[in-house]
Amino acid sequence: MKNVKLVVFDMAGTTVDEDNVVYKTLQKAINQYDESVTLDFVLDHGAGKEKHQAIKDIVIHLAEGQRWLNMSEVIFSEFVKMLDLAYGDLVVKPCAGVVDFIGELRKLGIKVALNTGYNSEVANLLLKKLSWEKGREYDILVTADLATQSRPHPDMIYLAMDGLGLKDSSDVVKIGDSIIDIEEGKNAGCGMTVGVTTGAQTRIQLLTANPTCVVDNVLELLDILK
């Protein structure tokens, strides 16, 4: 791919290794009302999405889904409280290869954006735990609460491009650990969409979205970008 100007990374599971605590907390919040929901079920239906929307998309697949949908506000409220507690003592680290990969992108003059289904409060908490700074590890952060429409709509990618003064989405690479990340990149017209197996979904699941490629470590992309 020629003329790469921006790489847009998802956060949890793509750049940030937080042991799936968000989805485990989503599962716990729903399990207060229905203990049948497994972590795999949560990941299948909620991975990568704005978290209130994720809850809606998870519970609508349960028996009596409409009844559960009417409870989504209550479940989301419980989830937010539980996530605050879970994040209090959480130790996070970068996903494998990410720090070195970002360093190489910097050498190539390629901008770095982070986008996420988290709200800005949670995203900035994670970045603080990583000791990442704007202008050093990344150039712009776009969170779900800033976008009119959440993934798979391309709004967050467009906001990142606008914030960095970029016009052509074919110059953009989107990297994420879920199908919805890949769909977001495709809907934005990104020149490459990349699935990475460090987070929510497996290689087999990611391939169903027909990304440009799937990698186990983002450093595998260096030869392509160079």
Protein backbone atom coordinates (compact mmCIF):
# COMPACT_ATOMS: atom_id res chain seq x y z
CA MET A 1 0.00 0.00 0.00
CA LYS A 2 1.41 3.39 -1.02
CA ASN A 3 1.02 6.80 0.65
CA VAL A 4 0.00 5.62 4.12
CA LYS A 5 -0.51 8.79 6.14
CA LEU A 6 -2.49 7.56 9.14
CA VAL A 7 -2.91 4.34 11.11
CA VAL A 8 -6.05 4.17 13.25
CA PHE A 9 -5.79 1.70 16.13
CA ASP A 10 -8.60 0.36 18.23
CA MET A 11 -7.67 0.43 21.93
CA ALA A 12 -8.65 -2.56 24.10
CA GLY A 13 -7.26 -5.78 22.65
CA THR A 14 -5.40 -3.97 19.86
CA THR A 15 -3.12 -1.45 21.57
CA VAL A 16 -4.04 -2.02 25.23
CA ASP A 17 -3.89 -5.42 26.91
CA GLU A 18 -6.44 -5.19 29.75
CA ASP A 19 -7.33 -8.90 29.89
CA ASN A 20 -10.81 -8.35 28.42
CA VAL A 21 -11.90 -6.70 31.67
CA VAL A 22 -14.54 -4.59 29.90
CA TYR A 23 -16.27 -7.59 28.36
CA LYS A 24 -15.93 -9.61 31.55
CA THR A 25 -17.58 -6.71 33.37
CA LEU A 26 -20.32 -6.52 30.73
CA GLN A 27 -20.92 -10.23 31.26
CA LYS A 28 -21.06 -9.76 35.03
CA ALA A 29 -23.52 -6.86 34.74
CA ILE A 30 -25.87 -8.88 32.53
CA ASN A 31 -25.42 -12.00 34.66
CA GLN A 32 -26.98 -10.17 37.60
CA TYR A 33 -30.21 -10.67 35.68
CA ASP A 34 -29.52 -13.74 33.50
CA GLU A 35 -26.68 -16.11 34.41
CA SER A 36 -26.79 -17.88 31.04
CA VAL A 37 -24.67 -15.27 29.24
CA THR A 38 -21.13 -16.47 28.55
CA LEU A 39 -18.06 -14.37 27.78
CA ASP A 40 -17.97 -15.81 24.26
CA PHE A 41 -21.58 -14.69 23.76
CA VAL A 42 -20.66 -11.19 24.93
CA LEU A 43 -17.67 -11.06 22.58
CA ASP A 44 -19.66 -12.40 19.62
CA HIS A 45 -22.35 -9.73 19.90
CA GLY A 46 -20.67 -6.82 21.67
CA ALA A 47 -16.98 -6.66 20.77
CA GLY A 48 -15.73 -3.27 19.63
CA LYS A 49 -19.03 -1.42 20.07
CA GLU A 50 -19.99 1.59 22.17
CA LYS A 51 -20.79 -0.10 25.43
CA HIS A 52 -24.46 0.81 25.83
CA GLN A 53 -25.04 -0.30 22.25
CA ALA A 54 -23.06 -3.46 23.00
CA ILE A 55 -25.43 -4.29 25.86
CA LYS A 56 -28.44 -3.76 23.60
CA ASP A 57 -26.97 -5.97 20.89
CA ILE A 58 -26.15 -8.70 23.42
CA VAL A 59 -29.47 -8.86 25.27
CA ILE A 60 -31.64 -8.67 22.15
CA HIS A 61 -30.28 -12.14 21.30
CA LEU A 62 -31.55 -13.59 24.57
CA ALA A 63 -34.94 -15.25 24.96
CA GLU A 64 -37.52 -12.50 25.40
CA GLY A 65 -34.99 -10.11 23.89
CA GLN A 66 -37.35 -7.16 23.76
CA ARG A 67 -37.93 -7.36 27.52
CA TRP A 68 -34.17 -7.36 28.07
CA LEU A 69 -33.78 -4.45 25.68
CA ASN A 70 -36.10 -2.41 27.87
CA MET A 71 -33.68 -3.08 30.76
CA SER A 72 -30.58 -1.98 28.88
CA GLU A 73 -30.39 1.42 30.65
CA VAL A 74 -30.41 -0.27 34.05
CA ILE A 75 -27.80 -2.83 33.01
CA PHE A 76 -25.60 -0.10 31.51
CA SER A 77 -25.79 1.93 34.70
CA GLU A 78 -24.69 -1.11 36.71
CA PHE A 79 -21.92 -1.81 34.20
CA VAL A 80 -20.47 1.71 34.53
CA LYS A 81 -20.30 1.39 38.33
CA MET A 82 -18.74 -2.08 38.13
CA LEU A 83 -16.21 -0.97 35.52
CA ASP A 84 -15.06 1.92 37.71
CA LEU A 85 -14.30 -0.59 40.46
CA ALA A 86 -12.64 -3.05 38.08
CA TYR A 87 -10.38 -0.36 36.61
CA GLY A 88 -9.35 1.02 40.00
CA ASP A 89 -6.58 -1.52 40.59
CA LEU A 90 -6.24 -2.84 37.04
CA VAL A 91 -2.75 -3.21 35.66
CA VAL A 92 -2.64 -2.68 31.89
CA LYS A 93 0.16 -2.96 29.36
CA PRO A 94 0.57 -2.43 25.62
CA CYS A 95 -0.31 -5.36 23.37
CA ALA A 96 2.60 -7.30 21.90
CA GLY A 97 4.62 -5.34 19.35
CA VAL A 98 2.56 -2.14 19.58
CA VAL A 99 5.19 0.15 21.13
CA ASP A 100 7.85 -0.88 18.61
CA PHE A 101 5.36 -0.61 15.75
CA ILE A 102 4.33 2.92 16.73
CA GLY A 103 8.01 3.84 16.95
CA GLU A 104 8.51 2.64 13.39
CA LEU A 105 5.44 4.55 12.21
CA ARG A 106 6.93 7.68 13.74
CA LYS A 107 10.16 7.15 11.77
CA LEU A 108 8.11 6.84 8.58
CA GLY A 109 6.21 10.06 9.30
CA ILE A 110 2.88 8.22 9.64
CA LYS A 111 0.32 9.67 12.04
CA VAL A 112 -1.26 7.54 14.79
CA ALA A 113 -4.90 7.76 15.92
CA LEU A 114 -6.62 5.81 18.67
CA ASN A 115 -10.34 5.18 18.46
CA THR A 116 -12.52 3.20 20.80
CA GLY A 117 -15.96 2.13 21.88
CA TYR A 118 -15.11 3.55 25.32
CA ASN A 119 -16.14 7.00 26.44
CA SER A 120 -13.40 9.61 26.90
CA GLU A 121 -13.17 9.12 30.67
CA VAL A 122 -12.38 5.41 30.41
CA ALA A 123 -10.07 5.84 27.40
CA ASN A 124 -8.03 8.54 29.13
CA LEU A 125 -7.81 6.43 32.28
CA LEU A 126 -6.27 3.62 30.23
CA LEU A 127 -3.82 6.00 28.56
CA LYS A 128 -2.83 7.38 31.95
CA LYS A 129 -2.17 3.86 33.23
CA LEU A 130 0.05 3.26 30.17
CA SER A 131 1.78 6.65 30.61
CA TRP A 132 1.02 7.42 26.96
CA GLU A 133 0.95 11.04 25.86
CA LYS A 134 -0.63 12.84 22.94
CA GLY A 135 2.08 13.94 20.54
CA ARG A 136 4.37 11.11 21.60
CA GLU A 137 2.63 7.72 21.34
CA TYR A 138 -0.40 9.04 19.44
CA ASP A 139 -1.58 12.14 17.60
CA ILE A 140 -5.32 12.06 18.25
CA LEU A 141 -7.84 10.14 20.39
CA VAL A 142 -11.44 9.72 19.24
CA THR A 143 -13.90 8.11 21.65
CA ALA A 144 -17.43 6.81 21.08
CA ASP A 145 -19.04 9.70 22.95
CA LEU A 146 -17.61 12.16 20.42
CA ALA A 147 -19.23 10.48 17.41
CA THR A 148 -22.78 10.89 16.19
CA GLN A 149 -22.88 7.20 15.23
CA SER A 150 -20.76 4.44 16.71
CA ARG A 151 -19.12 1.53 14.90
CA PRO A 152 -19.54 0.09 12.34
CA HIS A 153 -20.33 3.60 11.08
CA PRO A 154 -17.15 5.42 9.99
CA ASP A 155 -17.72 8.59 12.05
CA MET A 156 -14.79 8.09 14.44
CA ILE A 157 -12.32 7.54 11.61
CA TYR A 158 -13.59 10.64 9.82
CA LEU A 159 -13.23 12.66 13.04
CA ALA A 160 -9.62 11.48 13.34
CA MET A 161 -8.92 12.42 9.73
CA ASP A 162 -10.52 15.85 10.14
CA GLY A 163 -8.54 16.48 13.31
CA LEU A 164 -5.30 15.71 11.48
CA GLY A 165 -6.17 17.52 8.27
CA LEU A 166 -6.42 14.41 6.09
CA LYS A 167 -8.90 14.15 3.22
CA ASP A 168 -8.40 10.78 1.50
CA SER A 169 -9.39 7.70 3.49
CA SER A 170 -7.50 5.47 1.06
CA ASP A 171 -4.36 6.79 2.82
CA VAL A 172 -5.62 5.35 6.12
CA VAL A 173 -5.03 1.91 7.70
CA LYS A 174 -7.51 0.68 10.32
CA ILE A 175 -6.35 -1.98 12.80
CA GLY A 176 -8.62 -3.73 15.29
CA ASP A 177 -9.30 -6.96 17.14
CA SER A 178 -12.99 -7.30 16.25
CA ILE A 179 -15.19 -7.72 13.19
CA ILE A 180 -16.81 -4.36 13.84
CA ASP A 181 -13.39 -2.65 13.65
CA ILE A 182 -12.89 -4.11 10.18
CA GLU A 183 -16.41 -3.11 9.12
CA GLU A 184 -15.74 0.42 10.40
CA GLY A 185 -12.58 0.64 8.29
CA LYS A 186 -14.35 -0.66 5.20
CA ASN A 187 -17.24 1.76 5.67
CA ALA A 188 -14.73 4.62 5.92
CA GLY A 189 -13.06 3.53 2.67
CA CYS A 190 -9.72 2.84 4.34
CA GLY A 191 -6.90 1.66 2.07
CA MET A 192 -6.26 -1.28 4.41
CA THR A 193 -8.29 -2.99 7.13
CA VAL A 194 -6.32 -5.24 9.45
CA GLY A 195 -7.54 -7.72 12.03
CA VAL A 196 -5.24 -8.58 14.92
CA THR A 197 -5.64 -11.67 17.10
CA THR A 198 -4.44 -10.11 20.38
CA GLY A 199 -7.92 -9.30 21.66
CA ALA A 200 -11.60 -10.10 21.47
CA GLN A 201 -12.00 -12.34 18.43
CA THR A 202 -10.21 -15.18 16.72
CA ARG A 203 -8.55 -15.29 13.31
CA ILE A 204 -11.47 -17.32 11.96
CA GLN A 205 -13.98 -14.76 13.23
CA LEU A 206 -11.97 -11.81 11.90
CA LEU A 207 -11.62 -13.38 8.46
CA THR A 208 -15.41 -13.46 8.08
CA ALA A 209 -15.29 -9.66 7.71
CA ASN A 210 -12.88 -9.94 4.74
CA PRO A 211 -10.11 -7.65 6.00
CA THR A 212 -7.03 -6.93 3.91
CA CYS A 213 -5.17 -9.26 6.27
CA VAL A 214 -5.14 -10.74 9.78
CA VAL A 215 -1.96 -10.70 11.87
CA ASP A 216 -0.92 -12.08 15.24
CA ASN A 217 1.40 -9.14 15.91
CA VAL A 218 1.19 -5.67 14.35
CA LEU A 219 4.93 -5.73 13.61
CA GLU A 220 4.05 -8.11 10.75
CA LEU A 221 2.69 -5.05 8.92
CA LEU A 222 6.01 -3.19 8.70
CA ASP A 223 7.12 -4.72 5.41
CA ILE A 224 3.76 -3.81 3.86
CA LEU A 225 3.85 -0.22 5.11
CA LYS A 226 7.45 0.31 4.03
